[in-house]
Protein backbone atom coordinates (compact mmCIF):
# COMPACT_ATOMS: atom_id res chain seq x y z
CA UNK A 1 92.10 175.30 82.37
CA UNK A 2 91.17 172.94 79.63
CA UNK A 3 93.61 171.70 76.98
CA UNK A 4 91.68 173.67 74.23
CA UNK A 5 92.02 176.85 76.17
CA UNK A 6 95.73 176.37 76.81
CA UNK A 7 96.39 175.54 73.06
CA UNK A 8 94.17 178.49 71.92
CA UNK A 9 96.21 180.86 74.23
CA UNK A 10 99.52 179.45 72.87
CA UNK A 11 98.31 179.77 69.28
CA UNK A 12 97.04 183.36 69.89
CA UNK A 13 100.30 184.59 71.37
CA UNK A 14 103.60 182.70 70.96
CA UNK A 15 102.81 180.68 67.73
CA UNK A 16 101.65 183.78 65.99
CA UNK A 17 104.89 185.61 67.01
CA UNK A 18 107.03 182.55 65.92
CA UNK A 19 105.24 182.53 62.47
CA UNK A 20 105.75 186.27 62.02
CA UNK A 21 109.53 185.90 62.84
CA UNK A 22 109.81 182.90 60.49
CA UNK A 23 108.08 184.93 57.76
CA UNK A 24 110.44 187.83 58.17
CA UNK A 25 113.49 185.67 58.15
CA UNK A 26 112.48 183.88 55.03
CA UNK A 27 111.76 187.14 53.17
CA UNK A 28 115.01 188.76 54.31
CA UNK A 29 116.98 185.59 53.45
CA UNK A 30 115.97 186.13 49.85
CA UNK A 31 117.55 189.51 49.72
CA UNK A 32 120.82 188.76 51.42
CA UNK A 33 124.03 189.66 49.50
CA UNK A 34 125.14 186.10 49.00
CA UNK A 35 121.95 185.23 47.20
CA UNK A 36 122.55 187.51 44.26
CA UNK A 37 123.69 184.70 41.94
CA UNK A 38 120.47 182.65 42.79
CA UNK A 39 118.31 185.59 42.09
CA UNK A 40 119.96 186.25 38.71
CA UNK A 41 119.75 182.55 37.77
CA UNK A 42 116.04 182.46 38.68
CA UNK A 43 115.43 185.70 36.77
CA UNK A 44 117.05 184.33 33.53
CA UNK A 45 115.73 180.75 33.96
CA UNK A 46 112.68 181.43 31.78
CA UNK A 47 114.93 182.11 28.80
CA UNK A 48 117.25 179.18 29.22
CA UNK A 49 115.36 176.66 26.90
CA UNK A 50 114.58 179.08 24.14
CA UNK A 51 115.54 177.77 20.77
CA UNK A 52 115.70 180.08 17.73
CA UNK A 53 115.22 177.68 14.91
């Protein structure tokens, strides 16, 4: 088996599964209960530098 074939097999199976798991973890990390303050801060950050002269 050549190196290319071995790397191709790894990328087609295990690497794809690891990338999918990492994507799901990062998406769910955003919606954890402890992140509510960060989400609120990010939501209101566009209004932070408004000046009403």
